[in-house]
ModelCIF file with pLDDT and N, C-alpha, C, O atoms, coordinates in Angstrom:
data_MODEL
#
_entry.id   MODEL 
#
_entity.id                         1 
_entity.type                       polymer 
_entity.pdbx_number_of_molecules   1 
#
_entity_poly.entity_id                      1 
_entity_poly.type                           'polypeptide(L)' 
_entity_poly.nstd_linkage                   no 
_entity_poly.nstd_monomer                   no 
_entity_poly.pdbx_seq_one_letter_code       GPFMITVAGRAAGCGDSPDDTCKRTVDVLGLHLAAGSLPSYLTSFAT 
_entity_poly.pdbx_seq_one_letter_code_can   GPFMITVAGRAAGCGDSPDDTCKRTVDVLGLHLAAGSLPSYLTSFAT 
_entity_poly.pdbx_strand_id                 A 
#
loop_
_entity_poly_seq.entity_id 
_entity_poly_seq.num 
_entity_poly_seq.mon_id 
_entity_poly_seq.hetero 
1 1  GLY n 
1 2  PRO n 
1 3  PHE n 
1 4  MET n 
1 5  ILE n 
1 6  THR n 
1 7  VAL n 
1 8  ALA n 
1 9  GLY n 
1 10 ARG n 
1 11 ALA n 
1 12 ALA n 
1 13 GLY n 
1 14 CYS n 
1 15 GLY n 
1 16 ASP n 
1 17 SER n 
1 18 PRO n 
1 19 ASP n 
1 20 ASP n 
1 21 THR n 
1 22 CYS n 
1 23 LYS n 
1 24 ARG n 
1 25 THR n 
1 26 VAL n 
1 27 ASP n 
1 28 VAL n 
1 29 LEU n 
1 30 GLY n 
1 31 LEU n 
1 32 HIS n 
1 33 LEU n 
1 34 ALA n 
1 35 ALA n 
1 36 GLY n 
1 37 SER n 
1 38 LEU n 
1 39 PRO n 
1 40 SER n 
1 41 TYR n 
1 42 LEU n 
1 43 THR n 
1 44 SER n 
1 45 PHE n 
1 46 ALA n 
1 47 THR n 
#
_struct_asym.id          A 
_struct_asym.entity_id   1 
#
loop_
_ma_qa_metric.id 
_ma_qa_metric.mode 
_ma_qa_metric.name 
_ma_qa_metric.software_group_id 
_ma_qa_metric.type 
1 global pLDDT . pLDDT 
2 local  pLDDT . pLDDT 
#
_ma_qa_metric_global.metric_id      1 
_ma_qa_metric_global.metric_value   76.04 
_ma_qa_metric_global.model_id       1 
_ma_qa_metric_global.ordinal_id     1 
#
loop_
_ma_qa_metric_local.label_asym_id 
_ma_qa_metric_local.label_comp_id 
_ma_qa_metric_local.label_seq_id 
_ma_qa_metric_local.metric_id 
_ma_qa_metric_local.metric_value 
_ma_qa_metric_local.model_id 
_ma_qa_metric_local.ordinal_id 
A GLY 1  2 85.00 1 1  
A PRO 2  2 86.00 1 2  
A PHE 3  2 90.00 1 3  
A MET 4  2 89.00 1 4  
A ILE 5  2 83.00 1 5  
A THR 6  2 87.00 1 6  
A VAL 7  2 89.00 1 7  
A ALA 8  2 87.00 1 8  
A GLY 9  2 85.00 1 9  
A ARG 10 2 87.00 1 10 
A ALA 11 2 82.00 1 11 
A ALA 12 2 80.00 1 12 
A GLY 13 2 80.00 1 13 
A CYS 14 2 79.00 1 14 
A GLY 15 2 68.00 1 15 
A ASP 16 2 61.00 1 16 
A SER 17 2 52.00 1 17 
A PRO 18 2 49.00 1 18 
A ASP 19 2 53.00 1 19 
A ASP 20 2 50.00 1 20 
A THR 21 2 52.00 1 21 
A CYS 22 2 56.00 1 22 
A LYS 23 2 66.00 1 23 
A ARG 24 2 76.00 1 24 
A THR 25 2 77.00 1 25 
A VAL 26 2 79.00 1 26 
A ASP 27 2 77.00 1 27 
A VAL 28 2 80.00 1 28 
A LEU 29 2 77.00 1 29 
A GLY 30 2 76.00 1 30 
A LEU 31 2 75.00 1 31 
A HIS 32 2 79.00 1 32 
A LEU 33 2 76.00 1 33 
A ALA 34 2 74.00 1 34 
A ALA 35 2 77.00 1 35 
A GLY 36 2 71.00 1 36 
A SER 37 2 73.00 1 37 
A LEU 38 2 82.00 1 38 
A PRO 39 2 80.00 1 39 
A SER 40 2 75.00 1 40 
A TYR 41 2 81.00 1 41 
A LEU 42 2 86.00 1 42 
A THR 43 2 80.00 1 43 
A SER 44 2 77.00 1 44 
A PHE 45 2 84.00 1 45 
A ALA 46 2 86.00 1 46 
A THR 47 2 80.00 1 47 
#
loop_
_atom_site.group_PDB 
_atom_site.id 
_atom_site.type_symbol 
_atom_site.label_atom_id 
_atom_site.label_alt_id 
_atom_site.label_comp_id 
_atom_site.label_asym_id 
_atom_site.label_entity_id 
_atom_site.label_seq_id 
_atom_site.pdbx_PDB_ins_code 
_atom_site.Cartn_x 
_atom_site.Cartn_y 
_atom_site.Cartn_z 
_atom_site.occupancy 
_atom_site.B_iso_or_equiv 
_atom_site.pdbx_formal_charge 
_atom_site.auth_seq_id 
_atom_site.auth_comp_id 
_atom_site.auth_asym_id 
_atom_site.auth_atom_id 
_atom_site.pdbx_PDB_model_num 
ATOM 1   N N  . GLY A 1 1  ? 0.797   -1.223 0.000   1.00 85.00 ? 1  GLY A N  1 
ATOM 2   C CA . GLY A 1 1  ? 0.000   0.000  0.000   1.00 85.00 ? 1  GLY A CA 1 
ATOM 3   C C  . GLY A 1 1  ? 0.827   1.269  0.000   1.00 85.00 ? 1  GLY A C  1 
ATOM 4   O O  . GLY A 1 1  ? 0.678   2.090  -0.905  1.00 85.00 ? 1  GLY A O  1 
ATOM 5   N N  . PRO A 1 2  ? 1.707   1.462  0.997   1.00 86.00 ? 2  PRO A N  1 
ATOM 6   C CA . PRO A 1 2  ? 2.514   2.691  1.003   1.00 86.00 ? 2  PRO A CA 1 
ATOM 7   C C  . PRO A 1 2  ? 3.393   2.833  -0.234  1.00 86.00 ? 2  PRO A C  1 
ATOM 8   O O  . PRO A 1 2  ? 3.573   3.939  -0.743  1.00 86.00 ? 2  PRO A O  1 
ATOM 9   N N  . PHE A 1 3  ? 3.949   1.703  -0.730  1.00 90.00 ? 3  PHE A N  1 
ATOM 10  C CA . PHE A 1 3  ? 4.821   1.784  -1.892  1.00 90.00 ? 3  PHE A CA 1 
ATOM 11  C C  . PHE A 1 3  ? 4.037   2.149  -3.151  1.00 90.00 ? 3  PHE A C  1 
ATOM 12  O O  . PHE A 1 3  ? 4.505   2.947  -3.962  1.00 90.00 ? 3  PHE A O  1 
ATOM 13  N N  . MET A 1 4  ? 2.840   1.566  -3.320  1.00 89.00 ? 4  MET A N  1 
ATOM 14  C CA . MET A 1 4  ? 2.013   1.903  -4.474  1.00 89.00 ? 4  MET A CA 1 
ATOM 15  C C  . MET A 1 4  ? 1.630   3.384  -4.446  1.00 89.00 ? 4  MET A C  1 
ATOM 16  O O  . MET A 1 4  ? 1.629   4.041  -5.487  1.00 89.00 ? 4  MET A O  1 
ATOM 17  N N  . ILE A 1 5  ? 1.310   3.907  -3.279  1.00 83.00 ? 5  ILE A N  1 
ATOM 18  C CA . ILE A 1 5  ? 0.965   5.325  -3.161  1.00 83.00 ? 5  ILE A CA 1 
ATOM 19  C C  . ILE A 1 5  ? 2.143   6.194  -3.591  1.00 83.00 ? 5  ILE A C  1 
ATOM 20  O O  . ILE A 1 5  ? 1.961   7.201  -4.276  1.00 83.00 ? 5  ILE A O  1 
ATOM 21  N N  . THR A 1 6  ? 3.354   5.801  -3.188  1.00 87.00 ? 6  THR A N  1 
ATOM 22  C CA . THR A 1 6  ? 4.539   6.567  -3.559  1.00 87.00 ? 6  THR A CA 1 
ATOM 23  C C  . THR A 1 6  ? 4.763   6.542  -5.071  1.00 87.00 ? 6  THR A C  1 
ATOM 24  O O  . THR A 1 6  ? 4.992   7.586  -5.681  1.00 87.00 ? 6  THR A O  1 
ATOM 25  N N  . VAL A 1 7  ? 4.699   5.347  -5.679  1.00 89.00 ? 7  VAL A N  1 
ATOM 26  C CA . VAL A 1 7  ? 4.972   5.212  -7.104  1.00 89.00 ? 7  VAL A CA 1 
ATOM 27  C C  . VAL A 1 7  ? 3.877   5.880  -7.936  1.00 89.00 ? 7  VAL A C  1 
ATOM 28  O O  . VAL A 1 7  ? 4.174   6.616  -8.877  1.00 89.00 ? 7  VAL A O  1 
ATOM 29  N N  . ALA A 1 8  ? 2.615   5.626  -7.593  1.00 87.00 ? 8  ALA A N  1 
ATOM 30  C CA . ALA A 1 8  ? 1.519   6.259  -8.322  1.00 87.00 ? 8  ALA A CA 1 
ATOM 31  C C  . ALA A 1 8  ? 1.514   7.764  -8.085  1.00 87.00 ? 8  ALA A C  1 
ATOM 32  O O  . ALA A 1 8  ? 1.151   8.533  -8.976  1.00 87.00 ? 8  ALA A O  1 
ATOM 33  N N  . GLY A 1 9  ? 1.916   8.188  -6.885  1.00 85.00 ? 9  GLY A N  1 
ATOM 34  C CA . GLY A 1 9  ? 1.982   9.614  -6.588  1.00 85.00 ? 9  GLY A CA 1 
ATOM 35  C C  . GLY A 1 9  ? 2.976   10.330 -7.478  1.00 85.00 ? 9  GLY A C  1 
ATOM 36  O O  . GLY A 1 9  ? 2.729   11.461 -7.898  1.00 85.00 ? 9  GLY A O  1 
ATOM 37  N N  . ARG A 1 10 ? 4.096   9.689  -7.773  1.00 87.00 ? 10 ARG A N  1 
ATOM 38  C CA . ARG A 1 10 ? 5.062   10.304 -8.692  1.00 87.00 ? 10 ARG A CA 1 
ATOM 39  C C  . ARG A 1 10 ? 4.444   10.513 -10.068 1.00 87.00 ? 10 ARG A C  1 
ATOM 40  O O  . ARG A 1 10 ? 4.611   11.561 -10.691 1.00 87.00 ? 10 ARG A O  1 
ATOM 41  N N  . ALA A 1 11 ? 3.717   9.477  -10.534 1.00 82.00 ? 11 ALA A N  1 
ATOM 42  C CA . ALA A 1 11 ? 3.072   9.589  -11.850 1.00 82.00 ? 11 ALA A CA 1 
ATOM 43  C C  . ALA A 1 11 ? 2.037   10.713 -11.852 1.00 82.00 ? 11 ALA A C  1 
ATOM 44  O O  . ALA A 1 11 ? 1.811   11.347 -12.883 1.00 82.00 ? 11 ALA A O  1 
ATOM 45  N N  . ALA A 1 12 ? 1.411   10.961 -10.704 1.00 80.00 ? 12 ALA A N  1 
ATOM 46  C CA . ALA A 1 12 ? 0.382   12.003 -10.612 1.00 80.00 ? 12 ALA A CA 1 
ATOM 47  C C  . ALA A 1 12 ? 0.974   13.382 -10.329 1.00 80.00 ? 12 ALA A C  1 
ATOM 48  O O  . ALA A 1 12 ? 0.267   14.389 -10.362 1.00 80.00 ? 12 ALA A O  1 
ATOM 49  N N  . GLY A 1 13 ? 2.290   13.418 -10.048 1.00 80.00 ? 13 GLY A N  1 
ATOM 50  C CA . GLY A 1 13 ? 2.937   14.694 -9.767  1.00 80.00 ? 13 GLY A CA 1 
ATOM 51  C C  . GLY A 1 13 ? 2.927   15.080 -8.315  1.00 80.00 ? 13 GLY A C  1 
ATOM 52  O O  . GLY A 1 13 ? 3.032   16.263 -7.989  1.00 80.00 ? 13 GLY A O  1 
ATOM 53  N N  . CYS A 1 14 ? 2.801   14.089 -7.414  1.00 79.00 ? 14 CYS A N  1 
ATOM 54  C CA . CYS A 1 14 ? 2.747   14.383 -5.980  1.00 79.00 ? 14 CYS A CA 1 
ATOM 55  C C  . CYS A 1 14 ? 4.111   14.372 -5.311  1.00 79.00 ? 14 CYS A C  1 
ATOM 56  O O  . CYS A 1 14 ? 4.218   14.709 -4.132  1.00 79.00 ? 14 CYS A O  1 
ATOM 57  N N  . GLY A 1 15 ? 5.143   13.995 -6.030  1.00 68.00 ? 15 GLY A N  1 
ATOM 58  C CA . GLY A 1 15 ? 6.446   13.859 -5.396  1.00 68.00 ? 15 GLY A CA 1 
ATOM 59  C C  . GLY A 1 15 ? 6.594   12.497 -4.757  1.00 68.00 ? 15 GLY A C  1 
ATOM 60  O O  . GLY A 1 15 ? 5.935   11.539 -5.162  1.00 68.00 ? 15 GLY A O  1 
ATOM 61  N N  . ASP A 1 16 ? 7.465   12.404 -3.753  1.00 61.00 ? 16 ASP A N  1 
ATOM 62  C CA . ASP A 1 16 ? 7.783   11.115 -3.126  1.00 61.00 ? 16 ASP A CA 1 
ATOM 63  C C  . ASP A 1 16 ? 7.126   10.929 -1.770  1.00 61.00 ? 16 ASP A C  1 
ATOM 64  O O  . ASP A 1 16 ? 7.579   10.099 -0.982  1.00 61.00 ? 16 ASP A O  1 
ATOM 65  N N  . SER A 1 17 ? 6.072   11.674 -1.478  1.00 52.00 ? 17 SER A N  1 
ATOM 66  C CA . SER A 1 17 ? 5.403   11.539 -0.181  1.00 52.00 ? 17 SER A CA 1 
ATOM 67  C C  . SER A 1 17 ? 4.831   10.141 -0.031  1.00 52.00 ? 17 SER A C  1 
ATOM 68  O O  . SER A 1 17 ? 4.078   9.696  -0.897  1.00 52.00 ? 17 SER A O  1 
ATOM 69  N N  . PRO A 1 18 ? 5.172   9.419  1.062   1.00 49.00 ? 18 PRO A N  1 
ATOM 70  C CA . PRO A 1 18 ? 4.692   8.059  1.240   1.00 49.00 ? 18 PRO A CA 1 
ATOM 71  C C  . PRO A 1 18 ? 3.326   7.956  1.898   1.00 49.00 ? 18 PRO A C  1 
ATOM 72  O O  . PRO A 1 18 ? 2.819   6.851  2.092   1.00 49.00 ? 18 PRO A O  1 
ATOM 73  N N  . ASP A 1 19 ? 2.721   9.087  2.244   1.00 53.00 ? 19 ASP A N  1 
ATOM 74  C CA . ASP A 1 19 ? 1.433   8.980  2.929   1.00 53.00 ? 19 ASP A CA 1 
ATOM 75  C C  . ASP A 1 19 ? 0.298   9.053  1.922   1.00 53.00 ? 19 ASP A C  1 
ATOM 76  O O  . ASP A 1 19 ? 0.525   9.091  0.713   1.00 53.00 ? 19 ASP A O  1 
ATOM 77  N N  . ASP A 1 20 ? -0.926  9.072  2.434   1.00 50.00 ? 20 ASP A N  1 
ATOM 78  C CA . ASP A 1 20 ? -2.094  8.991  1.558   1.00 50.00 ? 20 ASP A CA 1 
ATOM 79  C C  . ASP A 1 20 ? -2.748  10.356 1.345   1.00 50.00 ? 20 ASP A C  1 
ATOM 80  O O  . ASP A 1 20 ? -3.945  10.444 1.072   1.00 50.00 ? 20 ASP A O  1 
ATOM 81  N N  . THR A 1 21 ? -1.950  11.421 1.471   1.00 52.00 ? 21 THR A N  1 
ATOM 82  C CA . THR A 1 21 ? -2.537  12.752 1.356   1.00 52.00 ? 21 THR A CA 1 
ATOM 83  C C  . THR A 1 21 ? -2.556  13.269 -0.075  1.00 52.00 ? 21 THR A C  1 
ATOM 84  O O  . THR A 1 21 ? -3.109  14.337 -0.338  1.00 52.00 ? 21 THR A O  1 
ATOM 85  N N  . CYS A 1 22 ? -1.957  12.521 -1.008  1.00 56.00 ? 22 CYS A N  1 
ATOM 86  C CA . CYS A 1 22 ? -1.919  12.989 -2.391  1.00 56.00 ? 22 CYS A CA 1 
ATOM 87  C C  . CYS A 1 22 ? -3.315  12.930 -3.007  1.00 56.00 ? 22 CYS A C  1 
ATOM 88  O O  . CYS A 1 22 ? -3.924  11.863 -3.092  1.00 56.00 ? 22 CYS A O  1 
ATOM 89  N N  . LYS A 1 23 ? -3.815  14.094 -3.436  1.00 66.00 ? 23 LYS A N  1 
ATOM 90  C CA . LYS A 1 23 ? -5.157  14.152 -4.023  1.00 66.00 ? 23 LYS A CA 1 
ATOM 91  C C  . LYS A 1 23 ? -5.125  14.135 -5.549  1.00 66.00 ? 23 LYS A C  1 
ATOM 92  O O  . LYS A 1 23 ? -6.172  14.014 -6.186  1.00 66.00 ? 23 LYS A O  1 
ATOM 93  N N  . ARG A 1 24 ? -3.931  14.254 -6.143  1.00 76.00 ? 24 ARG A N  1 
ATOM 94  C CA . ARG A 1 24 ? -3.847  14.220 -7.596  1.00 76.00 ? 24 ARG A CA 1 
ATOM 95  C C  . ARG A 1 24 ? -4.190  12.826 -8.100  1.00 76.00 ? 24 ARG A C  1 
ATOM 96  O O  . ARG A 1 24 ? -4.030  11.838 -7.384  1.00 76.00 ? 24 ARG A O  1 
ATOM 97  N N  . THR A 1 25 ? -4.661  12.759 -9.335  1.00 77.00 ? 25 THR A N  1 
ATOM 98  C CA . THR A 1 25 ? -5.232  11.513 -9.821  1.00 77.00 ? 25 THR A CA 1 
ATOM 99  C C  . THR A 1 25 ? -4.368  10.846 -10.882 1.00 77.00 ? 25 THR A C  1 
ATOM 100 O O  . THR A 1 25 ? -3.548  11.483 -11.544 1.00 77.00 ? 25 THR A O  1 
ATOM 101 N N  . VAL A 1 26 ? -4.581  9.541  -11.019 1.00 79.00 ? 26 VAL A N  1 
ATOM 102 C CA . VAL A 1 26 ? -4.025  8.761  -12.118 1.00 79.00 ? 26 VAL A CA 1 
ATOM 103 C C  . VAL A 1 26 ? -5.191  8.158  -12.889 1.00 79.00 ? 26 VAL A C  1 
ATOM 104 O O  . VAL A 1 26 ? -6.285  7.983  -12.353 1.00 79.00 ? 26 VAL A O  1 
ATOM 105 N N  . ASP A 1 27 ? -4.944  7.848  -14.135 1.00 77.00 ? 27 ASP A N  1 
ATOM 106 C CA . ASP A 1 27 ? -6.000  7.323  -14.997 1.00 77.00 ? 27 ASP A CA 1 
ATOM 107 C C  . ASP A 1 27 ? -6.014  5.801  -14.932 1.00 77.00 ? 27 ASP A C  1 
ATOM 108 O O  . ASP A 1 27 ? -5.014  5.155  -15.245 1.00 77.00 ? 27 ASP A O  1 
ATOM 109 N N  . VAL A 1 28 ? -7.148  5.226  -14.527 1.00 80.00 ? 28 VAL A N  1 
ATOM 110 C CA . VAL A 1 28 ? -7.335  3.774  -14.473 1.00 80.00 ? 28 VAL A CA 1 
ATOM 111 C C  . VAL A 1 28 ? -8.551  3.425  -15.314 1.00 80.00 ? 28 VAL A C  1 
ATOM 112 O O  . VAL A 1 28 ? -9.688  3.594  -14.875 1.00 80.00 ? 28 VAL A O  1 
ATOM 113 N N  . LEU A 1 29 ? -8.309  2.937  -16.524 1.00 77.00 ? 29 LEU A N  1 
ATOM 114 C CA . LEU A 1 29 ? -9.382  2.552  -17.440 1.00 77.00 ? 29 LEU A CA 1 
ATOM 115 C C  . LEU A 1 29 ? -10.384 3.692  -17.633 1.00 77.00 ? 29 LEU A C  1 
ATOM 116 O O  . LEU A 1 29 ? -11.595 3.473  -17.654 1.00 77.00 ? 29 LEU A O  1 
ATOM 117 N N  . GLY A 1 30 ? -9.870  4.886  -17.772 1.00 76.00 ? 30 GLY A N  1 
ATOM 118 C CA . GLY A 1 30 ? -10.725 6.045  -18.002 1.00 76.00 ? 30 GLY A CA 1 
ATOM 119 C C  . GLY A 1 30 ? -11.238 6.707  -16.744 1.00 76.00 ? 30 GLY A C  1 
ATOM 120 O O  . GLY A 1 30 ? -11.854 7.770  -16.815 1.00 76.00 ? 30 GLY A O  1 
ATOM 121 N N  . LEU A 1 31 ? -10.997 6.099  -15.589 1.00 75.00 ? 31 LEU A N  1 
ATOM 122 C CA . LEU A 1 31 ? -11.419 6.694  -14.319 1.00 75.00 ? 31 LEU A CA 1 
ATOM 123 C C  . LEU A 1 31 ? -10.246 7.451  -13.709 1.00 75.00 ? 31 LEU A C  1 
ATOM 124 O O  . LEU A 1 31 ? -9.110  6.979  -13.744 1.00 75.00 ? 31 LEU A O  1 
ATOM 125 N N  . HIS A 1 32 ? -10.522 8.615  -13.156 1.00 79.00 ? 32 HIS A N  1 
ATOM 126 C CA . HIS A 1 32 ? -9.477  9.421  -12.525 1.00 79.00 ? 32 HIS A CA 1 
ATOM 127 C C  . HIS A 1 32 ? -9.544  9.182  -11.016 1.00 79.00 ? 32 HIS A C  1 
ATOM 128 O O  . HIS A 1 32 ? -10.437 9.677  -10.329 1.00 79.00 ? 32 HIS A O  1 
ATOM 129 N N  . LEU A 1 33 ? -8.574  8.409  -10.521 1.00 76.00 ? 33 LEU A N  1 
ATOM 130 C CA . LEU A 1 33 ? -8.560  8.005  -9.120  1.00 76.00 ? 33 LEU A CA 1 
ATOM 131 C C  . LEU A 1 33 ? -7.396  8.663  -8.404  1.00 76.00 ? 33 LEU A C  1 
ATOM 132 O O  . LEU A 1 33 ? -6.295  8.760  -8.946  1.00 76.00 ? 33 LEU A O  1 
ATOM 133 N N  . ALA A 1 34 ? -7.646  9.116  -7.174  1.00 74.00 ? 34 ALA A N  1 
ATOM 134 C CA . ALA A 1 34 ? -6.590  9.728  -6.377  1.00 74.00 ? 34 ALA A CA 1 
ATOM 135 C C  . ALA A 1 34 ? -5.482  8.720  -6.123  1.00 74.00 ? 34 ALA A C  1 
ATOM 136 O O  . ALA A 1 34 ? -5.741  7.575  -5.754  1.00 74.00 ? 34 ALA A O  1 
ATOM 137 N N  . ALA A 1 35 ? -4.240  9.160  -6.325  1.00 77.00 ? 35 ALA A N  1 
ATOM 138 C CA . ALA A 1 35 ? -3.109  8.253  -6.114  1.00 77.00 ? 35 ALA A CA 1 
ATOM 139 C C  . ALA A 1 35 ? -3.085  7.723  -4.690  1.00 77.00 ? 35 ALA A C  1 
ATOM 140 O O  . ALA A 1 35 ? -2.740  6.563  -4.465  1.00 77.00 ? 35 ALA A O  1 
ATOM 141 N N  . GLY A 1 36 ? -3.449  8.566  -3.725  1.00 71.00 ? 36 GLY A N  1 
ATOM 142 C CA . GLY A 1 36 ? -3.449  8.129  -2.332  1.00 71.00 ? 36 GLY A CA 1 
ATOM 143 C C  . GLY A 1 36 ? -4.493  7.083  -2.006  1.00 71.00 ? 36 GLY A C  1 
ATOM 144 O O  . GLY A 1 36 ? -4.375  6.386  -0.998  1.00 71.00 ? 36 GLY A O  1 
ATOM 145 N N  . SER A 1 37 ? -5.525  6.959  -2.849  1.00 73.00 ? 37 SER A N  1 
ATOM 146 C CA . SER A 1 37 ? -6.585  5.975  -2.615  1.00 73.00 ? 37 SER A CA 1 
ATOM 147 C C  . SER A 1 37 ? -6.447  4.734  -3.482  1.00 73.00 ? 37 SER A C  1 
ATOM 148 O O  . SER A 1 37 ? -7.239  3.799  -3.360  1.00 73.00 ? 37 SER A O  1 
ATOM 149 N N  . LEU A 1 38 ? -5.440  4.718  -4.362  1.00 82.00 ? 38 LEU A N  1 
ATOM 150 C CA . LEU A 1 38 ? -5.332  3.629  -5.336  1.00 82.00 ? 38 LEU A CA 1 
ATOM 151 C C  . LEU A 1 38 ? -5.224  2.245  -4.695  1.00 82.00 ? 38 LEU A C  1 
ATOM 152 O O  . LEU A 1 38 ? -5.906  1.333  -5.161  1.00 82.00 ? 38 LEU A O  1 
ATOM 153 N N  . PRO A 1 39 ? -4.398  2.028  -3.641  1.00 80.00 ? 39 PRO A N  1 
ATOM 154 C CA . PRO A 1 39 ? -4.340  0.689  -3.047  1.00 80.00 ? 39 PRO A CA 1 
ATOM 155 C C  . PRO A 1 39 ? -5.699  0.206  -2.526  1.00 80.00 ? 39 PRO A C  1 
ATOM 156 O O  . PRO A 1 39 ? -6.026  -0.975 -2.643  1.00 80.00 ? 39 PRO A O  1 
ATOM 157 N N  . SER A 1 40 ? -6.483  1.115  -1.955  1.00 75.00 ? 40 SER A N  1 
ATOM 158 C CA . SER A 1 40 ? -7.804  0.718  -1.452  1.00 75.00 ? 40 SER A CA 1 
ATOM 159 C C  . SER A 1 40 ? -8.726  0.294  -2.590  1.00 75.00 ? 40 SER A C  1 
ATOM 160 O O  . SER A 1 40 ? -9.466  -0.683 -2.470  1.00 75.00 ? 40 SER A O  1 
ATOM 161 N N  . TYR A 1 41 ? -8.676  1.040  -3.697  1.00 81.00 ? 41 TYR A N  1 
ATOM 162 C CA . TYR A 1 41 ? -9.506  0.679  -4.841  1.00 81.00 ? 41 TYR A CA 1 
ATOM 163 C C  . TYR A 1 41 ? -9.079  -0.662 -5.433  1.00 81.00 ? 41 TYR A C  1 
ATOM 164 O O  . TYR A 1 41 ? -9.927  -1.467 -5.819  1.00 81.00 ? 41 TYR A O  1 
ATOM 165 N N  . LEU A 1 42 ? -7.784  -0.903 -5.506  1.00 86.00 ? 42 LEU A N  1 
ATOM 166 C CA . LEU A 1 42 ? -7.291  -2.171 -6.047  1.00 86.00 ? 42 LEU A CA 1 
ATOM 167 C C  . LEU A 1 42 ? -7.705  -3.338 -5.154  1.00 86.00 ? 42 LEU A C  1 
ATOM 168 O O  . LEU A 1 42 ? -8.108  -4.394 -5.642  1.00 86.00 ? 42 LEU A O  1 
ATOM 169 N N  . THR A 1 43 ? -7.601  -3.137 -3.846  1.00 80.00 ? 43 THR A N  1 
ATOM 170 C CA . THR A 1 43 ? -8.015  -4.197 -2.915  1.00 80.00 ? 43 THR A CA 1 
ATOM 171 C C  . THR A 1 43 ? -9.501  -4.476 -3.040  1.00 80.00 ? 43 THR A C  1 
ATOM 172 O O  . THR A 1 43 ? -9.919  -5.634 -3.037  1.00 80.00 ? 43 THR A O  1 
ATOM 173 N N  . SER A 1 44 ? -10.298 -3.430 -3.149  1.00 77.00 ? 44 SER A N  1 
ATOM 174 C CA . SER A 1 44 ? -11.748 -3.606 -3.285  1.00 77.00 ? 44 SER A CA 1 
ATOM 175 C C  . SER A 1 44 ? -12.084 -4.351 -4.572  1.00 77.00 ? 44 SER A C  1 
ATOM 176 O O  . SER A 1 44 ? -12.927 -5.247 -4.571  1.00 77.00 ? 44 SER A O  1 
ATOM 177 N N  . PHE A 1 45 ? -11.427 -3.982 -5.668  1.00 84.00 ? 45 PHE A N  1 
ATOM 178 C CA . PHE A 1 45 ? -11.687 -4.655 -6.937  1.00 84.00 ? 45 PHE A CA 1 
ATOM 179 C C  . PHE A 1 45 ? -11.308 -6.133 -6.860  1.00 84.00 ? 45 PHE A C  1 
ATOM 180 O O  . PHE A 1 45 ? -12.035 -6.993 -7.356  1.00 84.00 ? 45 PHE A O  1 
ATOM 181 N N  . ALA A 1 46 ? -10.167 -6.421 -6.238  1.00 86.00 ? 46 ALA A N  1 
ATOM 182 C CA . ALA A 1 46 ? -9.733  -7.819 -6.115  1.00 86.00 ? 46 ALA A CA 1 
ATOM 183 C C  . ALA A 1 46 ? -10.699 -8.635 -5.269  1.00 86.00 ? 46 ALA A C  1 
ATOM 184 O O  . ALA A 1 46 ? -10.977 -9.790 -5.589  1.00 86.00 ? 46 ALA A O  1 
ATOM 185 N N  . THR A 1 47 ? -11.219 -8.041 -4.179  1.00 80.00 ? 47 THR A N  1 
ATOM 186 C CA . THR A 1 47 ? -12.138 -8.780 -3.316  1.00 80.00 ? 47 THR A CA 1 
ATOM 187 C C  . THR A 1 47 ? -13.464 -9.046 -4.028  1.00 80.00 ? 47 THR A C  1 
ATOM 188 O O  . THR A 1 47 ? -14.362 -9.659 -3.451  1.00 80.00 ? 47 THR A O  1 
#
C-alpha cells in the first residue's frame, strides 16, 4: 500500500510523499482516481 501510493503519486505529480494525502489523480481505465486511494480501490476490486 505505502509503496504503491509513492509510485503512483510520482506519476500524478505528488512527489515522493509516502502517505495517503496525495489528491492528484491517475487514470485507471478512463477513471481518474486519487493516487493516495489507489491501493484501497485495487483491494476492493480484487475482493
